[in-house]
């Protein structure tokens, strides 16, 4: 039972049909040459969605692990470089006698270093 203000078919109520957004094109005859060429290149494969999902997750995980490993290596190298720069700027080992330990004068003084009086005599 339809009322007077209702349409008799759902097609007439559909907004895309009535507004002209969907157009129906009539093909007068089928061109078998084109269809045959399309059928030759047609590829039908059965899709295993679960396996594709597992493979995709594995690939993404491997990519994330590789990126994390690369970042870890870069951070370690940066920390090593900073430690070397910090040691180079440090005054802790500036006046060490490691290079003069084995070399001593007959007075028992290291050869490479002069005493304060020797420096004053050299100045004059």
PDB file of N, CA and C in Angstrom:
ATOM      1  N   UNK A   1       0.825  -1.168   0.000  1.00  0.00           N
ATOM      2  CA  UNK A   1       0.000   0.000   0.000  1.00  0.00           C
ATOM      3  C   UNK A   1       0.878   1.244   0.000  1.00  0.00           C
ATOM      4  N   UNK A   2       0.770   1.989  -1.053  1.00  0.00           N
ATOM      5  CA  UNK A   2       1.514   3.228  -1.166  1.00  0.00           C
ATOM      6  C   UNK A   2       0.582   4.404  -0.958  1.00  0.00           C
ATOM      7  N   UNK A   3       1.142   5.384  -0.358  1.00  0.00           N
ATOM      8  CA  UNK A   3       0.376   6.615  -0.210  1.00  0.00           C
ATOM      9  C   UNK A   3       0.640   7.489  -1.430  1.00  0.00           C
ATOM     10  N   UNK A   4      -0.045   8.513  -1.556  1.00  0.00           N
ATOM     11  CA  UNK A   4       0.090   9.359  -2.734  1.00  0.00           C
ATOM     12  C   UNK A   4       1.431  10.086  -2.779  1.00  0.00           C
ATOM     13  N   UNK A   5       1.994  10.429  -1.629  1.00  0.00           N
ATOM     14  CA  UNK A   5       3.257  11.164  -1.632  1.00  0.00           C
ATOM     15  C   UNK A   5       4.473  10.240  -1.665  1.00  0.00           C
ATOM     16  N   UNK A   6       4.315   8.928  -1.641  1.00  0.00           N
ATOM     17  CA  UNK A   6       5.433   7.995  -1.700  1.00  0.00           C
ATOM     18  C   UNK A   6       5.645   7.524  -3.127  1.00  0.00           C
ATOM     19  N   UNK A   7       6.901   7.235  -3.442  1.00  0.00           N
ATOM     20  CA  UNK A   7       7.202   6.733  -4.775  1.00  0.00           C
ATOM     21  C   UNK A   7       6.942   5.241  -4.815  1.00  0.00           C
ATOM     22  N   UNK A   8       6.772   4.719  -6.004  1.00  0.00           N
ATOM     23  CA  UNK A   8       6.442   3.312  -6.131  1.00  0.00           C
ATOM     24  C   UNK A   8       7.673   2.437  -6.259  1.00  0.00           C
ATOM     25  N   UNK A   9       8.848   3.029  -6.433  1.00  0.00           N
ATOM     26  CA  UNK A   9      10.062   2.245  -6.634  1.00  0.00           C
ATOM     27  C   UNK A   9      11.204   2.864  -5.840  1.00  0.00           C
ATOM     28  N   UNK A  10      12.123   2.016  -5.289  1.00  0.00           N
ATOM     29  CA  UNK A  10      13.256   2.593  -4.556  1.00  0.00           C
ATOM     30  C   UNK A  10      14.224   3.338  -5.468  1.00  0.00           C
ATOM     31  N   UNK A  11      14.234   3.021  -6.759  1.00  0.00           N
ATOM     32  CA  UNK A  11      15.121   3.736  -7.672  1.00  0.00           C
ATOM     33  C   UNK A  11      14.746   5.198  -7.797  1.00  0.00           C
ATOM     34  N   UNK A  12      13.533   5.476  -7.765  1.00  0.00           N
ATOM     35  CA  UNK A  12      13.119   6.868  -7.897  1.00  0.00           C
ATOM     36  C   UNK A  12      13.426   7.659  -6.638  1.00  0.00           C
ATOM     37  N   UNK A  13      13.590   6.974  -5.514  1.00  0.00           N
ATOM     38  CA  UNK A  13      13.914   7.669  -4.273  1.00  0.00           C
ATOM     39  C   UNK A  13      15.409   7.885  -4.094  1.00  0.00           C
ATOM     40  N   UNK A  14      16.227   7.166  -4.832  1.00  0.00           N
ATOM     41  CA  UNK A  14      17.672   7.256  -4.650  1.00  0.00           C
ATOM     42  C   UNK A  14      18.174   8.612  -5.137  1.00  0.00           C
ATOM     43  N   UNK A  15      18.904   9.353  -4.301  1.00  0.00           N
ATOM     44  CA  UNK A  15      19.296  10.719  -4.692  1.00  0.00           C
ATOM     45  C   UNK A  15      20.298  10.764  -5.846  1.00  0.00           C
ATOM     46  N   UNK A  16      21.158   9.762  -5.986  1.00  0.00           N
ATOM     47  CA  UNK A  16      22.139   9.799  -7.068  1.00  0.00           C
ATOM     48  C   UNK A  16      21.476   9.607  -8.423  1.00  0.00           C
ATOM     49  N   UNK A  17      20.465   8.764  -8.475  1.00  0.00           N
ATOM     50  CA  UNK A  17      19.761   8.544  -9.740  1.00  0.00           C
ATOM     51  C   UNK A  17      18.985   9.792 -10.132  1.00  0.00           C
ATOM     52  N   UNK A  18      18.330  10.364  -9.159  1.00  0.00           N
ATOM     53  CA  UNK A  18      17.467  11.498  -9.484  1.00  0.00           C
ATOM     54  C   UNK A  18      18.268  12.764  -9.765  1.00  0.00           C
ATOM     55  N   UNK A  19      19.471  12.892  -9.181  1.00  0.00           N
ATOM     56  CA  UNK A  19      20.263  14.099  -9.403  1.00  0.00           C
ATOM     57  C   UNK A  19      21.131  14.010 -10.641  1.00  0.00           C
ATOM     58  N   UNK A  20      21.247  12.853 -11.243  1.00  0.00           N
ATOM     59  CA  UNK A  20      22.026  12.722 -12.465  1.00  0.00           C
ATOM     60  C   UNK A  20      23.484  12.383 -12.224  1.00  0.00           C
ATOM     61  N   UNK A  21      23.859  12.005 -11.005  1.00  0.00           N
ATOM     62  CA  UNK A  21      25.248  11.645 -10.731  1.00  0.00           C
ATOM     63  C   UNK A  21      25.598  10.283 -11.308  1.00  0.00           C
ATOM     64  N   UNK A  22      24.632   9.415 -11.435  1.00  0.00           N
ATOM     65  CA  UNK A  22      24.855   8.099 -12.021  1.00  0.00           C
ATOM     66  C   UNK A  22      24.223   8.094 -13.404  1.00  0.00           C
ATOM     67  N   UNK A  23      25.030   7.725 -14.376  1.00  0.00           N
ATOM     68  CA  UNK A  23      24.530   7.688 -15.745  1.00  0.00           C
ATOM     69  C   UNK A  23      24.618   6.267 -16.268  1.00  0.00           C
ATOM     70  N   UNK A  24      23.637   5.875 -16.972  1.00  0.00           N
ATOM     71  CA  UNK A  24      23.589   4.551 -17.566  1.00  0.00           C
ATOM     72  C   UNK A  24      23.927   4.698 -19.040  1.00  0.00           C
ATOM     73  N   UNK A  25      24.934   3.923 -19.471  1.00  0.00           N
ATOM     74  CA  UNK A  25      25.359   3.981 -20.862  1.00  0.00           C
ATOM     75  C   UNK A  25      24.979   2.661 -21.515  1.00  0.00           C
ATOM     76  N   UNK A  26      24.378   2.736 -22.648  1.00  0.00           N
ATOM     77  CA  UNK A  26      23.971   1.539 -23.380  1.00  0.00           C
ATOM     78  C   UNK A  26      25.025   1.231 -24.438  1.00  0.00           C
ATOM     79  N   UNK A  27      25.596   0.013 -24.384  1.00  0.00           N
ATOM     80  CA  UNK A  27      26.571  -0.430 -25.378  1.00  0.00           C
ATOM     81  C   UNK A  27      25.794  -1.220 -26.426  1.00  0.00           C
ATOM     82  N   UNK A  28      25.819  -0.770 -27.687  1.00  0.00           N
ATOM     83  CA  UNK A  28      24.974  -1.414 -28.690  1.00  0.00           C
ATOM     84  C   UNK A  28      25.386  -2.845 -29.000  1.00  0.00           C
ATOM     85  N   UNK A  29      26.671  -3.129 -29.086  1.00  0.00           N
ATOM     86  CA  UNK A  29      27.101  -4.502 -29.367  1.00  0.00           C
ATOM     87  C   UNK A  29      28.422  -4.779 -28.656  1.00  0.00           C
ATOM     88  N   UNK A  30      28.660  -6.006 -28.392  1.00  0.00           N
ATOM     89  CA  UNK A  30      29.870  -6.423 -27.685  1.00  0.00           C
ATOM     90  C   UNK A  30      30.983  -6.633 -28.699  1.00  0.00           C
ATOM     91  N   UNK A  31      32.162  -6.030 -28.422  1.00  0.00           N
ATOM     92  CA  UNK A  31      33.305  -6.173 -29.320  1.00  0.00           C
ATOM     93  C   UNK A  31      34.162  -7.302 -28.773  1.00  0.00           C
ATOM     94  N   UNK A  32      34.103  -8.462 -29.421  1.00  0.00           N
ATOM     95  CA  UNK A  32      34.781  -9.646 -28.911  1.00  0.00           C
ATOM     96  C   UNK A  32      36.301  -9.532 -28.984  1.00  0.00           C
ATOM     97  N   UNK A  33      36.838  -8.769 -29.917  1.00  0.00           N
ATOM     98  CA  UNK A  33      38.293  -8.626 -30.015  1.00  0.00           C
ATOM     99  C   UNK A  33      38.846  -7.990 -28.747  1.00  0.00           C
ATOM    100  N   UNK A  34      38.178  -6.969 -28.282  1.00  0.00           N
ATOM    101  CA  UNK A  34      38.623  -6.290 -27.059  1.00  0.00           C
ATOM    102  C   UNK A  34      38.443  -7.214 -25.856  1.00  0.00           C
ATOM    103  N   UNK A  35      37.328  -7.894 -25.790  1.00  0.00           N
ATOM    104  CA  UNK A  35      37.058  -8.790 -24.663  1.00  0.00           C
ATOM    105  C   UNK A  35      38.057  -9.940 -24.646  1.00  0.00           C
ATOM    106  N   UNK A  36      38.386 -10.473 -25.815  1.00  0.00           N
ATOM    107  CA  UNK A  36      39.358 -11.568 -25.882  1.00  0.00           C
ATOM    108  C   UNK A  36      40.737 -11.116 -25.420  1.00  0.00           C
ATOM    109  N   UNK A  37      41.163  -9.918 -25.827  1.00  0.00           N
ATOM    110  CA  UNK A  37      42.467  -9.405 -25.360  1.00  0.00           C
ATOM    111  C   UNK A  37      42.465  -9.205 -23.845  1.00  0.00           C
ATOM    112  N   UNK A  38      41.369  -8.722 -23.321  1.00  0.00           N
ATOM    113  CA  UNK A  38      41.271  -8.546 -21.869  1.00  0.00           C
ATOM    114  C   UNK A  38      41.299  -9.887 -21.146  1.00  0.00           C
ATOM    115  N   UNK A  39      40.647 -10.884 -21.703  1.00  0.00           N
ATOM    116  CA  UNK A  39      40.629 -12.203 -21.070  1.00  0.00           C
ATOM    117  C   UNK A  39      41.996 -12.872 -21.107  1.00  0.00           C
ATOM    118  N   UNK A  40      42.809 -12.577 -22.120  1.00  0.00           N
ATOM    119  CA  UNK A  40      44.158 -13.157 -22.185  1.00  0.00           C
ATOM    120  C   UNK A  40      45.043 -12.628 -21.062  1.00  0.00           C
ATOM    121  N   UNK A  41      44.874 -11.367 -20.709  1.00  0.00           N
ATOM    122  CA  UNK A  41      45.712 -10.759 -19.668  1.00  0.00           C
ATOM    123  C   UNK A  41      45.095 -10.880 -18.280  1.00  0.00           C
ATOM    124  N   UNK A  42      43.957 -11.498 -18.198  1.00  0.00           N
ATOM    125  CA  UNK A  42      43.264 -11.628 -16.921  1.00  0.00           C
ATOM    126  C   UNK A  42      44.045 -12.558 -15.994  1.00  0.00           C
ATOM    127  N   UNK A  43      44.245 -12.098 -14.772  1.00  0.00           N
ATOM    128  CA  UNK A  43      44.964 -12.889 -13.774  1.00  0.00           C
ATOM    129  C   UNK A  43      44.019 -13.125 -12.599  1.00  0.00           C
ATOM    130  N   UNK A  44      43.823 -14.379 -12.294  1.00  0.00           N
ATOM    131  CA  UNK A  44      42.969 -14.739 -11.167  1.00  0.00           C
ATOM    132  C   UNK A  44      43.845 -15.448 -10.146  1.00  0.00           C
ATOM    133  N   UNK A  45      43.863 -14.912  -8.954  1.00  0.00           N
ATOM    134  CA  UNK A  45      44.643 -15.561  -7.905  1.00  0.00           C
ATOM    135  C   UNK A  45      43.787 -15.632  -6.649  1.00  0.00           C
ATOM    136  N   UNK A  46      44.054 -16.659  -5.890  1.00  0.00           N
ATOM    137  CA  UNK A  46      43.318 -16.835  -4.653  1.00  0.00           C
ATOM    138  C   UNK A  46      44.100 -16.135  -3.548  1.00  0.00           C
ATOM    139  N   UNK A  47      43.433 -15.300  -2.819  1.00  0.00           N
ATOM    140  CA  UNK A  47      44.086 -14.482  -1.808  1.00  0.00           C
ATOM    141  C   UNK A  47      43.919 -15.132  -0.440  1.00  0.00           C
ATOM    142  N   UNK A  48      45.063 -15.326   0.234  1.00  0.00           N
ATOM    143  CA  UNK A  48      45.043 -15.826   1.604  1.00  0.00           C
ATOM    144  C   UNK A  48      45.302 -14.628   2.515  1.00  0.00           C
ATOM    145  N   UNK A  49      44.246 -14.025   2.998  1.00  0.00           N
ATOM    146  CA  UNK A  49      44.353 -12.787   3.760  1.00  0.00           C
ATOM    147  C   UNK A  49      45.120 -12.972   5.064  1.00  0.00           C
ATOM    148  N   UNK A  50      44.940 -14.094   5.721  1.00  0.00           N
ATOM    149  CA  UNK A  50      45.645 -14.323   6.985  1.00  0.00           C
ATOM    150  C   UNK A  50      47.151 -14.388   6.766  1.00  0.00           C
ATOM    151  N   UNK A  51      47.572 -15.105   5.726  1.00  0.00           N
ATOM    152  CA  UNK A  51      49.002 -15.234   5.449  1.00  0.00           C
ATOM    153  C   UNK A  51      49.598 -13.890   5.035  1.00  0.00           C
ATOM    154  N   UNK A  52      48.857 -13.123   4.243  1.00  0.00           N
ATOM    155  CA  UNK A  52      49.344 -11.802   3.848  1.00  0.00           C
ATOM    156  C   UNK A  52      49.488 -10.895   5.065  1.00  0.00           C
ATOM    157  N   UNK A  53      48.567 -10.996   6.001  1.00  0.00           N
ATOM    158  CA  UNK A  53      48.646 -10.191   7.219  1.00  0.00           C
ATOM    159  C   UNK A  53      49.864 -10.596   8.046  1.00  0.00           C
ATOM    160  N   UNK A  54      50.093 -11.902   8.186  1.00  0.00           N
ATOM    161  CA  UNK A  54      51.253 -12.387   8.941  1.00  0.00           C
ATOM    162  C   UNK A  54      52.549 -11.918   8.277  1.00  0.00           C
ATOM    163  N   UNK A  55      52.614 -12.022   6.943  1.00  0.00           N
ATOM    164  CA  UNK A  55      53.813 -11.585   6.225  1.00  0.00           C
ATOM    165  C   UNK A  55      54.036 -10.088   6.384  1.00  0.00           C
ATOM    166  N   UNK A  56      52.960  -9.304   6.304  1.00  0.00           N
ATOM    167  CA  UNK A  56      53.075  -7.856   6.450  1.00  0.00           C
ATOM    168  C   UNK A  56      53.555  -7.488   7.853  1.00  0.00           C
ATOM    169  N   UNK A  57      53.014  -8.166   8.867  1.00  0.00           N
ATOM    170  CA  UNK A  57      53.419  -7.885  10.246  1.00  0.00           C
ATOM    171  C   UNK A  57      54.887  -8.250  10.449  1.00  0.00           C
ATOM    172  N   UNK A  58      55.336  -9.371   9.863  1.00  0.00           N
ATOM    173  CA  UNK A  58      56.743  -9.764   9.969  1.00  0.00           C
ATOM    174  C   UNK A  58      57.650  -8.735   9.313  1.00  0.00           C
ATOM    175  N   UNK A  59      57.263  -8.264   8.136  1.00  0.00           N
ATOM    176  CA  UNK A  59      58.082  -7.282   7.424  1.00  0.00           C
ATOM    177  C   UNK A  59      58.153  -5.972   8.198  1.00  0.00           C
ATOM    178  N   UNK A  60      57.024  -5.527   8.735  1.00  0.00           N
ATOM    179  CA  UNK A  60      57.020  -4.292   9.519  1.00  0.00           C
ATOM    180  C   UNK A  60      57.852  -4.449  10.785  1.00  0.00           C
ATOM    181  N   UNK A  61      57.769  -5.604  11.423  1.00  0.00           N
ATOM    182  CA  UNK A  61      58.546  -5.858  12.633  1.00  0.00           C
ATOM    183  C   UNK A  61      60.038  -5.865  12.329  1.00  0.00           C
ATOM    184  N   UNK A  62      60.413  -6.504  11.217  1.00  0.00           N
ATOM    185  CA  UNK A  62      61.825  -6.531  10.837  1.00  0.00           C
ATOM    186  C   UNK A  62      62.326  -5.126  10.533  1.00  0.00           C
ATOM    187  N   UNK A  63      61.493  -4.321   9.892  1.00  0.00           N
ATOM    188  CA  UNK A  63      61.886  -2.945   9.578  1.00  0.00           C
ATOM    189  C   UNK A  63      62.064  -2.131  10.860  1.00  0.00           C
ATOM    190  N   UNK A  64      61.136  -2.311  11.817  1.00  0.00           N
ATOM    191  CA  UNK A  64      61.244  -1.596  13.094  1.00  0.00           C
ATOM    192  C   UNK A  64      62.489  -2.022  13.865  1.00  0.00           C
ATOM    193  N   UNK A  65      62.775  -3.340  13.870  1.00  0.00           N
ATOM    194  CA  UNK A  65      63.957  -3.830  14.580  1.00  0.00           C
ATOM    195  C   UNK A  65      65.233  -3.292  13.953  1.00  0.00           C
ATOM    196  N   UNK A  66      65.284  -3.252  12.622  1.00  0.00           N
ATOM    197  CA  UNK A  66      66.467  -2.727  11.945  1.00  0.00           C
ATOM    198  C   UNK A  66      66.649  -1.248  12.258  1.00  0.00           C
ATOM    199  N   UNK A  67      65.559  -0.497  12.281  1.00  0.00           N
ATOM    200  CA  UNK A  67      65.641   0.925  12.605  1.00  0.00           C
ATOM    201  C   UNK A  67      66.093   1.121  14.054  1.00  0.00           C
ATOM    202  N   UNK A  68      65.581   0.296  14.968  1.00  0.00           N
ATOM    203  CA  UNK A  68      65.978   0.406  16.373  1.00  0.00           C
ATOM    204  C   UNK A  68      67.451   0.053  16.550  1.00  0.00           C
ATOM    205  N   UNK A  69      67.914  -0.971  15.839  1.00  0.00           N
ATOM    206  CA  UNK A  69      69.322  -1.357  15.918  1.00  0.00           C
ATOM    207  C   UNK A  69      70.214  -0.254  15.365  1.00  0.00           C
ATOM    208  N   UNK A  70      69.811   0.338  14.256  1.00  0.00           N
ATOM    209  CA  UNK A  70      70.581   1.433  13.662  1.00  0.00           C
ATOM    210  C   UNK A  70      70.626   2.635  14.608  1.00  0.00           C
ATOM    211  N   UNK A  71      69.487   2.931  15.240  1.00  0.00           N
ATOM    212  CA  UNK A  71      69.443   4.049  16.182  1.00  0.00           C
ATOM    213  C   UNK A  71      70.323   3.763  17.394  1.00  0.00           C
ATOM    214  N   UNK A  72      70.315   2.517  17.859  1.00  0.00           N
ATOM    215  CA  UNK A  72      71.138   2.143  19.008  1.00  0.00           C
ATOM    216  C   UNK A  72      72.620   2.290  18.674  1.00  0.00           C
ATOM    217  N   UNK A  73      73.007   1.855  17.466  1.00  0.00           N
ATOM    218  CA  UNK A  73      74.401   2.004  17.047  1.00  0.00           C
ATOM    219  C   UNK A  73      74.787   3.473  16.942  1.00  0.00           C
ATOM    220  N   UNK A  74      73.899   4.278  16.376  1.00  0.00           N
ATOM    221  CA  UNK A  74      74.180   5.709  16.231  1.00  0.00           C
ATOM    222  C   UNK A  74      74.297   6.372  17.604  1.00  0.00           C
ATOM    223  N   UNK A  75      73.421   5.992  18.533  1.00  0.00           N
ATOM    224  CA  UNK A  75      73.483   6.555  19.882  1.00  0.00           C
ATOM    225  C   UNK A  75      74.770   6.145  20.591  1.00  0.00           C
ATOM    226  N   UNK A  76      75.187   4.891  20.420  1.00  0.00           N
ATOM    227  CA  UNK A  76      76.428   4.426  21.042  1.00  0.00           C
ATOM    228  C   UNK A  76      77.629   5.163  20.458  1.00  0.00           C
ATOM    229  N   UNK A  77      77.619   5.362  19.144  1.00  0.00           N
ATOM    230  CA  UNK A  77      78.726   6.083  18.506  1.00  0.00           C
ATOM    231  C   UNK A  77      78.755   7.538  18.964  1.00  0.00           C
ATOM    232  N   UNK A  78      77.573   8.148  19.089  1.00  0.00           N
ATOM    233  CA  UNK A  78      77.502   9.525  19.555  1.00  0.00           C
ATOM    234  C   UNK A  78      77.979   9.629  21.005  1.00  0.00           C
ATOM    235  N   UNK A  79      77.600   8.674  21.847  1.00  0.00           N
ATOM    236  CA  UNK A  79      78.045   8.682  23.245  1.00  0.00           C
ATOM    237  C   UNK A  79      79.560   8.501  23.323  1.00  0.00           C
ATOM    238  N   UNK A  80      80.103   7.631  22.478  1.00  0.00           N
ATOM    239  CA  UNK A  80      81.550   7.423  22.449  1.00  0.00           C
ATOM    240  C   UNK A  80      82.269   8.700  22.006  1.00  0.00           C
ATOM    241  N   UNK A  81      81.713   9.375  21.006  1.00  0.00           N
ATOM    242  CA  UNK A  81      82.309  10.622  20.524  1.00  0.00           C
ATOM    243  C   UNK A  81      82.245  11.702  21.604  1.00  0.00           C
ATOM    244  N   UNK A  82      81.112  11.777  22.299  1.00  0.00           N
ATOM    245  CA  UNK A  82      80.985  12.775  23.368  1.00  0.00           C
ATOM    246  C   UNK A  82      81.962  12.488  24.504  1.00  0.00           C
ATOM    247  N   UNK A  83      82.133  11.204  24.834  1.00  0.00           N
ATOM    248  CA  UNK A  83      83.082  10.834  25.891  1.00  0.00           C
ATOM    249  C   UNK A  83      84.503  11.214  25.487  1.00  0.00           C
ATOM    250  N   UNK A  84      84.847  10.989  24.214  1.00  0.00           N
ATOM    251  CA  UNK A  84      86.180  11.354  23.736  1.00  0.00           C
ATOM    252  C   UNK A  84      86.366  12.868  23.768  1.00  0.00           C
ATOM    253  N   UNK A  85      85.340  13.621  23.380  1.00  0.00           N
ATOM    254  CA  UNK A  85      85.425  15.085  23.436  1.00  0.00           C
ATOM    255  C   UNK A  85      85.547  15.569  24.874  1.00  0.00           C
ATOM    256  N   UNK A  86      84.808  14.927  25.768  1.00  0.00           N
ATOM    257  CA  UNK A  86      84.870  15.302  27.184  1.00  0.00           C
ATOM    258  C   UNK A  86      86.265  15.026  27.747  1.00  0.00           C
ATOM    259  N   UNK A  87      86.851  13.891  27.379  1.00  0.00           N
ATOM    260  CA  UNK A  87      88.197  13.565  27.850  1.00  0.00           C
ATOM    261  C   UNK A  87      89.224  14.522  27.251  1.00  0.00           C
ATOM    262  N   UNK A  88      89.004  14.964  26.019  1.00  0.00           N
ATOM    263  CA  UNK A  88      89.939  15.895  25.385  1.00  0.00           C
ATOM    264  C   UNK A  88      89.884  17.265  26.047  1.00  0.00           C
ATOM    265  N   UNK A  89      88.714  17.672  26.521  1.00  0.00           N
ATOM    266  CA  UNK A  89      88.578  18.974  27.180  1.00  0.00           C
ATOM    267  C   UNK A  89      88.950  18.925  28.661  1.00  0.00           C
ATOM    268  N   UNK A  90      89.108  17.742  29.211  1.00  0.00           N
ATOM    269  CA  UNK A  90      89.363  17.589  30.635  1.00  0.00           C
ATOM    270  C   UNK A  90      90.816  17.939  30.971  1.00  0.00           C
ATOM    271  N   UNK A  91      91.003  18.503  32.157  1.00  0.00           N
ATOM    272  CA  UNK A  91      92.344  18.842  32.636  1.00  0.00           C
ATOM    273  C   UNK A  91      92.905  17.774  33.573  1.00  0.00           C
ATOM    274  N   UNK A  92      92.236  16.654  33.703  1.00  0.00           N
ATOM    275  CA  UNK A  92      92.652  15.625  34.648  1.00  0.00           C
ATOM    276  C   UNK A  92      94.024  15.053  34.315  1.00  0.00           C
ATOM    277  N   UNK A  93      94.298  14.792  33.076  1.00  0.00           N
ATOM    278  CA  UNK A  93      95.567  14.157  32.716  1.00  0.00           C
ATOM    279  C   UNK A  93      96.523  15.128  32.028  1.00  0.00           C
ATOM    280  N   UNK A  94      96.384  16.411  32.348  1.00  0.00           N
ATOM    281  CA  UNK A  94      97.234  17.408  31.695  1.00  0.00           C
ATOM    282  C   UNK A  94      98.677  17.328  32.186  1.00  0.00           C
ATOM    283  N   UNK A  95      98.873  17.194  33.483  1.00  0.00           N
ATOM    284  CA  UNK A  95     100.228  17.199  34.036  1.00  0.00           C
ATOM    285  C   UNK A  95     100.624  15.837  34.580  1.00  0.00           C
ATOM    286  N   UNK A  96     100.372  14.800  33.872  1.00  0.00           N
ATOM    287  CA  UNK A  96     100.778  13.473  34.324  1.00  0.00           C
ATOM    288  C   UNK A  96     102.223  13.218  33.924  1.00  0.00           C
ATOM    289  N   UNK A  97     102.902  12.406  34.736  1.00  0.00           N
ATOM    290  CA  UNK A  97     104.309  12.093  34.483  1.00  0.00           C
ATOM    291  C   UNK A  97     104.472  10.750  33.785  1.00  0.00           C
ATOM    292  N   UNK A  98     103.473  10.271  33.132  1.00  0.00           N
ATOM    293  CA  UNK A  98     103.579   8.958  32.503  1.00  0.00           C
ATOM    294  C   UNK A  98     104.615   8.950  31.393  1.00  0.00           C
ATOM    295  N   UNK A  99     104.769  10.046  30.707  1.00  0.00           N
ATOM    296  CA  UNK A  99     105.744  10.060  29.620  1.00  0.00           C
ATOM    297  C   UNK A  99     107.177  10.232  30.134  1.00  0.00           C
ATOM    298  N   UNK A 100     107.327  10.679  31.387  1.00  0.00           N
ATOM    299  CA  UNK A 100     108.666  10.905  31.930  1.00  0.00           C
ATOM    300  C   UNK A 100     109.020   9.938  33.054  1.00  0.00           C
ATOM    301  N   UNK A 101     108.254   8.902  33.283  1.00  0.00           N
ATOM    302  CA  UNK A 101     108.492   8.024  34.423  1.00  0.00           C
ATOM    303  C   UNK A 101     109.868   7.363  34.377  1.00  0.00           C
ATOM    304  N   UNK A 102     110.252   6.858  33.234  1.00  0.00           N
ATOM    305  CA  UNK A 102     111.506   6.109  33.138  1.00  0.00           C
ATOM    306  C   UNK A 102     112.726   7.003  32.950  1.00  0.00           C
ATOM    307  N   UNK A 103     112.515   8.232  32.553  1.00  0.00           N
ATOM    308  CA  UNK A 103     113.648   9.120  32.283  1.00  0.00           C
ATOM    309  C   UNK A 103     113.914  10.007  33.499  1.00  0.00           C
ATOM    310  N   UNK A 104     115.060   9.801  34.150  1.00  0.00           N
ATOM    311  CA  UNK A 104     115.423  10.632  35.294  1.00  0.00           C
ATOM    312  C   UNK A 104     116.880  11.061  35.167  1.00  0.00           C
ATOM    313  N   UNK A 105     117.161  12.211  35.732  1.00  0.00           N
ATOM    314  CA  UNK A 105     118.549  12.702  35.778  1.00  0.00           C
ATOM    315  C   UNK A 105     119.314  11.955  36.857  1.00  0.00           C
ATOM    316  N   UNK A 106     120.592  12.322  36.975  1.00  0.00           N
ATOM    317  CA  UNK A 106     121.374  11.762  38.066  1.00  0.00           C
ATOM    318  C   UNK A 106     120.943  12.330  39.413  1.00  0.00           C
ATOM    319  N   UNK A 107     120.220  13.473  39.401  1.00  0.00           N
ATOM    320  CA  UNK A 107     119.714  14.052  40.642  1.00  0.00           C
ATOM    321  C   UNK A 107     118.402  13.397  41.086  1.00  0.00           C
ATOM    322  N   UNK A 108     117.825  12.561  40.238  1.00  0.00           N
ATOM    323  CA  UNK A 108     116.544  11.944  40.568  1.00  0.00           C
ATOM    324  C   UNK A 108     115.365  12.746  40.054  1.00  0.00           C
ATOM    325  N   UNK A 109     115.657  13.836  39.352  1.00  0.00           N
ATOM    326  CA  UNK A 109     114.594  14.656  38.775  1.00  0.00           C
ATOM    327  C   UNK A 109     114.237  14.135  37.376  1.00  0.00           C
ATOM    328  N   UNK A 110     113.007  14.240  36.985  1.00  0.00           N
ATOM    329  CA  UNK A 110     112.668  13.837  35.621  1.00  0.00           C
ATOM    330  C   UNK A 110     113.368  14.735  34.608  1.00  0.00           C
ATOM    331  N   UNK A 111     113.797  14.138  33.483  1.00  0.00           N
ATOM    332  CA  UNK A 111     114.545  14.891  32.479  1.00  0.00           C
ATOM    333  C   UNK A 111     113.694  15.959  31.807  1.00  0.00           C
ATOM    334  N   UNK A 112     112.488  15.659  31.482  1.00  0.00           N
ATOM    335  CA  UNK A 112     111.665  16.565  30.689  1.00  0.00           C
ATOM    336  C   UNK A 112     111.171  17.769  31.458  1.00  0.00           C
ATOM    337  N   UNK A 113     111.086  17.694  32.789  1.00  0.00           N
ATOM    338  CA  UNK A 113     110.540  18.798  33.567  1.00  0.00           C
ATOM    339  C   UNK A 113     111.654  19.515  34.310  1.00  0.00           C
ATOM    340  N   UNK A 114     111.544  20.821  34.345  1.00  0.00           N
ATOM    341  CA  UNK A 114     112.541  21.625  35.053  1.00  0.00           C
ATOM    342  C   UNK A 114     111.947  22.126  36.360  1.00  0.00           C
ATOM    343  N   UNK A 115     112.800  22.326  37.323  1.00  0.00           N
ATOM    344  CA  UNK A 115     112.357  22.858  38.606  1.00  0.00           C
ATOM    345  C   UNK A 115     112.170  24.357  38.474  1.00  0.00           C
ATOM    346  N   UNK A 116     111.605  24.950  39.508  1.00  0.00           N
ATOM    347  CA  UNK A 116     111.358  26.392  39.487  1.00  0.00           C
ATOM    348  C   UNK A 116     112.640  27.190  39.388  1.00  0.00           C
ATOM    349  N   UNK A 117     113.702  26.772  40.088  1.00  0.00           N
ATOM    350  CA  UNK A 117     114.968  27.514  40.024  1.00  0.00           C
ATOM    351  C   UNK A 117     115.599  27.389  38.643  1.00  0.00           C
ATOM    352  N   UNK A 118     115.483  26.235  38.030  1.00  0.00           N
ATOM    353  CA  UNK A 118     116.034  26.067  36.677  1.00  0.00           C
ATOM    354  C   UNK A 118     115.300  26.965  35.686  1.00  0.00           C
ATOM    355  N   UNK A 119     113.996  27.083  35.860  1.00  0.00           N
ATOM    356  CA  UNK A 119     113.229  27.953  34.971  1.00  0.00           C
ATOM    357  C   UNK A 119     113.625  29.411  35.167  1.00  0.00           C
ATOM    358  N   UNK A 120     113.884  29.832  36.436  1.00  0.00           N
ATOM    359  CA  UNK A 120     114.301  31.210  36.698  1.00  0.00           C
ATOM    360  C   UNK A 120     115.678  31.481  36.120  1.00  0.00           C
ATOM    361  N   UNK A 121     116.582  30.508  36.190  1.00  0.00           N
ATOM    362  CA  UNK A 121     117.916  30.680  35.618  1.00  0.00           C
ATOM    363  C   UNK A 121     117.853  30.784  34.097  1.00  0.00           C
ATOM    364  N   UNK A 122     116.979  30.004  33.492  1.00  0.00           N
ATOM    365  CA  UNK A 122     116.828  30.079  32.036  1.00  0.00           C
ATOM    366  C   UNK A 122     116.231  31.415  31.618  1.00  0.00           C
ATOM    367  N   UNK A 123     115.414  32.001  32.471  1.00  0.00           N
ATOM    368  CA  UNK A 123     114.765  33.265  32.154  1.00  0.00           C
ATOM    369  C   UNK A 123     115.783  34.398  32.119  1.00  0.00           C
ATOM    370  N   UNK A 124     116.727  34.370  33.011  1.00  0.00           N
ATOM    371  CA  UNK A 124     117.741  35.418  33.081  1.00  0.00           C
ATOM    372  C   UNK A 124     118.807  35.140  32.114  1.00  0.00           C
TER     373      UNK A 124
END
